Amino acid sequence: EVQLQASGGGLVQPGGSLRLSCAASGFAFGMYPMSWFREFPGNERDWISTINPDSSAIYEEAMKGRFTISRDNAKSTVYLEMKALEPEDTAVYYCAMSLARGQGTQVTVSS
C-alpha cells in the first residue's frame, strides 16, 4: 500500500521559514517523481514543485526563490523548504506521486 505522510507544518510568523517532510512507503521511491501541492479552503489547489529521481526539479513560477524541493532516496523522503512565508501561504501542504497523494500538514502564517 502506498503511503505518503507529510509533517513539519505549524504556525509561523510572516517572514518565517518552515521545512516540510513527506515520508513515503509502499513503492520504489527512488524511481518516481515526487510533487508538493497545497490546498486552500474551498478546495482550490496549487501545484508547487516536482522533483525527479535524479533530484532535478521544476517549480511553479511564483514559487521560485522562496520554496525549495529536495529528496533523500535512501530515506524515502521528500522535503519542501519554505522561506519568507506570507499569510497567503496558509494552506494544507501535501506530497503526491502518480499513484497517490498523502495526508497533508497544515501551515498557518500569522502574526
C-alpha atoms as a PDB file:
ATOM      1  CA  GLU A   1       0.000   0.000   0.000  1.00  0.00           C
ATOM      2  CA  VAL A   2       1.353   3.397  -0.987  1.00  0.00           C
ATOM      3  CA  GLN A   3       1.588   5.737   1.973  1.00  0.00           C
ATOM      4  CA  LEU A   4       2.687   9.370   2.000  1.00  0.00           C
ATOM      5  CA  GLN A   5       2.802  11.180   5.323  1.00  0.00           C
ATOM      6  CA  ALA A   6       3.596  14.872   5.451  1.00  0.00           C
ATOM      7  CA  SER A   7       4.845  16.571   8.588  1.00  0.00           C
ATOM      8  CA  GLY A   8       6.534  19.744   9.735  1.00  0.00           C
ATOM      9  CA  GLY A   9       3.688  22.196   9.405  1.00  0.00           C
ATOM     10  CA  GLY A  10       2.634  24.612  12.093  1.00  0.00           C
ATOM     11  CA  LEU A  11       2.130  28.240  12.963  1.00  0.00           C
ATOM     12  CA  VAL A  12       4.807  30.633  11.749  1.00  0.00           C
ATOM     13  CA  GLN A  13       5.041  34.398  11.682  1.00  0.00           C
ATOM     14  CA  PRO A  14       5.161  36.290   8.395  1.00  0.00           C
ATOM     15  CA  GLY A  15       8.700  36.228   7.054  1.00  0.00           C
ATOM     16  CA  GLY A  16       9.431  32.950   8.783  1.00  0.00           C
ATOM     17  CA  SER A  17      10.539  29.609   7.437  1.00  0.00           C
ATOM     18  CA  LEU A  18       9.453  26.000   7.666  1.00  0.00           C
ATOM     19  CA  ARG A  19      10.756  22.691   6.412  1.00  0.00           C
ATOM     20  CA  LEU A  20       8.165  20.112   5.493  1.00  0.00           C
ATOM     21  CA  SER A  21       8.878  16.420   5.139  1.00  0.00           C
ATOM     22  CA  CYS A  22       6.952  13.667   3.418  1.00  0.00           C
ATOM     23  CA  ALA A  23       7.824  10.105   4.312  1.00  0.00           C
ATOM     24  CA  ALA A  24       6.927   7.553   1.665  1.00  0.00           C
ATOM     25  CA  SER A  25       6.440   3.818   1.778  1.00  0.00           C
ATOM     26  CA  GLY A  26       4.884   1.019  -0.223  1.00  0.00           C
ATOM     27  CA  PHE A  27       6.608   1.689  -3.538  1.00  0.00           C
ATOM     28  CA  ALA A  28      10.061   2.083  -5.080  1.00  0.00           C
ATOM     29  CA  PHE A  29      10.521   5.684  -4.006  1.00  0.00           C
ATOM     30  CA  GLY A  30      13.747   6.223  -5.918  1.00  0.00           C
ATOM     31  CA  MET A  31      12.073   5.530  -9.232  1.00  0.00           C
ATOM     32  CA  TYR A  32       9.249   8.077  -9.038  1.00  0.00           C
ATOM     33  CA  PRO A  33       8.964  11.832  -9.389  1.00  0.00           C
ATOM     34  CA  MET A  34       7.500  13.417  -6.283  1.00  0.00           C
ATOM     35  CA  SER A  35       5.477  16.601  -6.042  1.00  0.00           C
ATOM     36  CA  TRP A  36       4.266  19.077  -3.468  1.00  0.00           C
ATOM     37  CA  PHE A  37       0.875  20.731  -3.649  1.00  0.00           C
ATOM     38  CA  ARG A  38      -1.081  22.964  -1.342  1.00  0.00           C
ATOM     39  CA  GLU A  39      -4.806  23.198  -0.851  1.00  0.00           C
ATOM     40  CA  PHE A  40      -6.777  26.175   0.374  1.00  0.00           C
ATOM     41  CA  PRO A  41     -10.217  26.280   1.995  1.00  0.00           C
ATOM     42  CA  GLY A  42     -12.770  25.686  -0.732  1.00  0.00           C
ATOM     43  CA  ASN A  43     -10.503  23.034  -2.317  1.00  0.00           C
ATOM     44  CA  GLU A  44      -8.551  25.395  -4.556  1.00  0.00           C
ATOM     45  CA  ARG A  45      -5.190  23.753  -5.137  1.00  0.00           C
ATOM     46  CA  ASP A  46      -1.751  24.923  -6.228  1.00  0.00           C
ATOM     47  CA  TRP A  47       0.984  22.751  -7.663  1.00  0.00           C
ATOM     48  CA  ILE A  48       4.254  23.872  -6.092  1.00  0.00           C
ATOM     49  CA  SER A  49       7.069  21.724  -7.408  1.00  0.00           C
ATOM     50  CA  THR A  50       8.093  18.339  -8.761  1.00  0.00           C
ATOM     51  CA  ILE A  51      11.398  16.590  -8.217  1.00  0.00           C
ATOM     52  CA  ASN A  52      12.648  13.749 -10.386  1.00  0.00           C
ATOM     53  CA  PRO A  53      14.505  10.690  -9.119  1.00  0.00           C
ATOM     54  CA  ASP A  54      17.793  12.335 -10.101  1.00  0.00           C
ATOM     55  CA  SER A  55      16.835  15.395  -7.984  1.00  0.00           C
ATOM     56  CA  SER A  56      16.278  17.682 -10.956  1.00  0.00           C
ATOM     57  CA  ALA A  57      13.282  19.849 -10.119  1.00  0.00           C
ATOM     58  CA  ILE A  58      10.749  22.203 -11.619  1.00  0.00           C
ATOM     59  CA  TYR A  59       8.699  24.849  -9.850  1.00  0.00           C
ATOM     60  CA  GLU A  60       5.564  26.830 -10.356  1.00  0.00           C
ATOM     61  CA  GLU A  61       6.911  30.203 -11.398  1.00  0.00           C
ATOM     62  CA  ALA A  62       5.503  32.125  -8.441  1.00  0.00           C
ATOM     63  CA  MET A  63       7.107  29.700  -6.006  1.00  0.00           C
ATOM     64  CA  LYS A  64      10.637  30.009  -7.349  1.00  0.00           C
ATOM     65  CA  GLY A  65      13.117  31.506  -4.940  1.00  0.00           C
ATOM     66  CA  ARG A  66      11.036  31.012  -1.803  1.00  0.00           C
ATOM     67  CA  PHE A  67      10.371  27.263  -1.985  1.00  0.00           C
ATOM     68  CA  THR A  68      12.996  24.550  -2.471  1.00  0.00           C
ATOM     69  CA  ILE A  69      12.220  20.889  -3.012  1.00  0.00           C
ATOM     70  CA  SER A  70      14.681  18.107  -2.268  1.00  0.00           C
ATOM     71  CA  ARG A  71      14.670  14.381  -1.696  1.00  0.00           C
ATOM     72  CA  ASP A  72      16.610  11.683   0.078  1.00  0.00           C
ATOM     73  CA  ASN A  73      16.100   8.435  -1.791  1.00  0.00           C
ATOM     74  CA  ALA A  74      17.824   6.439   0.949  1.00  0.00           C
ATOM     75  CA  LYS A  75      15.234   7.691   3.447  1.00  0.00           C
ATOM     76  CA  SER A  76      12.301   7.626   1.007  1.00  0.00           C
ATOM     77  CA  THR A  77      11.560  11.199   1.967  1.00  0.00           C
ATOM     78  CA  VAL A  78      10.876  14.370   0.040  1.00  0.00           C
ATOM     79  CA  TYR A  79      11.261  17.809   1.595  1.00  0.00           C
ATOM     80  CA  LEU A  80       9.977  21.302   0.984  1.00  0.00           C
ATOM     81  CA  GLU A  81      11.919  24.226   2.410  1.00  0.00           C
ATOM     82  CA  MET A  82       9.833  27.373   2.575  1.00  0.00           C
ATOM     83  CA  LYS A  83      11.111  30.831   3.421  1.00  0.00           C
ATOM     84  CA  ALA A  84       9.782  34.384   3.536  1.00  0.00           C
ATOM     85  CA  LEU A  85       6.363  32.955   4.270  1.00  0.00           C
ATOM     86  CA  GLU A  86       3.321  35.176   3.845  1.00  0.00           C
ATOM     87  CA  PRO A  87      -0.215  34.873   5.190  1.00  0.00           C
ATOM     88  CA  GLU A  88      -1.275  33.905   1.665  1.00  0.00           C
ATOM     89  CA  ASP A  89       0.827  30.755   2.019  1.00  0.00           C
ATOM     90  CA  THR A  90      -1.565  29.464   4.674  1.00  0.00           C
ATOM     91  CA  ALA A  91      -2.834  26.122   3.384  1.00  0.00           C
ATOM     92  CA  VAL A  92      -2.660  22.373   3.799  1.00  0.00           C
ATOM     93  CA  TYR A  93       0.519  21.130   2.145  1.00  0.00           C
ATOM     94  CA  TYR A  94       0.777  17.592   0.866  1.00  0.00           C
ATOM     95  CA  CYS A  95       3.026  15.458  -1.281  1.00  0.00           C
ATOM     96  CA  ALA A  96       1.901  13.265  -4.109  1.00  0.00           C
ATOM     97  CA  MET A  97       3.114  10.903  -6.771  1.00  0.00           C
ATOM     98  CA  SER A  98       1.439   9.230  -9.719  1.00  0.00           C
ATOM     99  CA  LEU A  99      -0.193   6.555  -7.587  1.00  0.00           C
ATOM    100  CA  ALA A 100      -1.354   8.513  -4.577  1.00  0.00           C
ATOM    101  CA  ARG A 101      -1.464  11.732  -2.596  1.00  0.00           C
ATOM    102  CA  GLY A 102      -0.724  11.909   1.061  1.00  0.00           C
ATOM    103  CA  GLN A 103      -2.342  13.361   4.109  1.00  0.00           C
ATOM    104  CA  GLY A 104      -1.391  16.975   4.363  1.00  0.00           C
ATOM    105  CA  THR A 105       0.166  19.122   7.023  1.00  0.00           C
ATOM    106  CA  GLN A 106      -1.336  22.471   7.956  1.00  0.00           C
ATOM    107  CA  VAL A 107       0.805  25.573   7.533  1.00  0.00           C
ATOM    108  CA  THR A 108      -0.537  28.751   9.076  1.00  0.00           C
ATOM    109  CA  VAL A 109       1.275  32.043   8.569  1.00  0.00           C
ATOM    110  CA  SER A 110       0.038  34.631  11.000  1.00  0.00           C
ATOM    111  CA  SER A 111       1.284  37.165  13.488  1.00  0.00           C
END
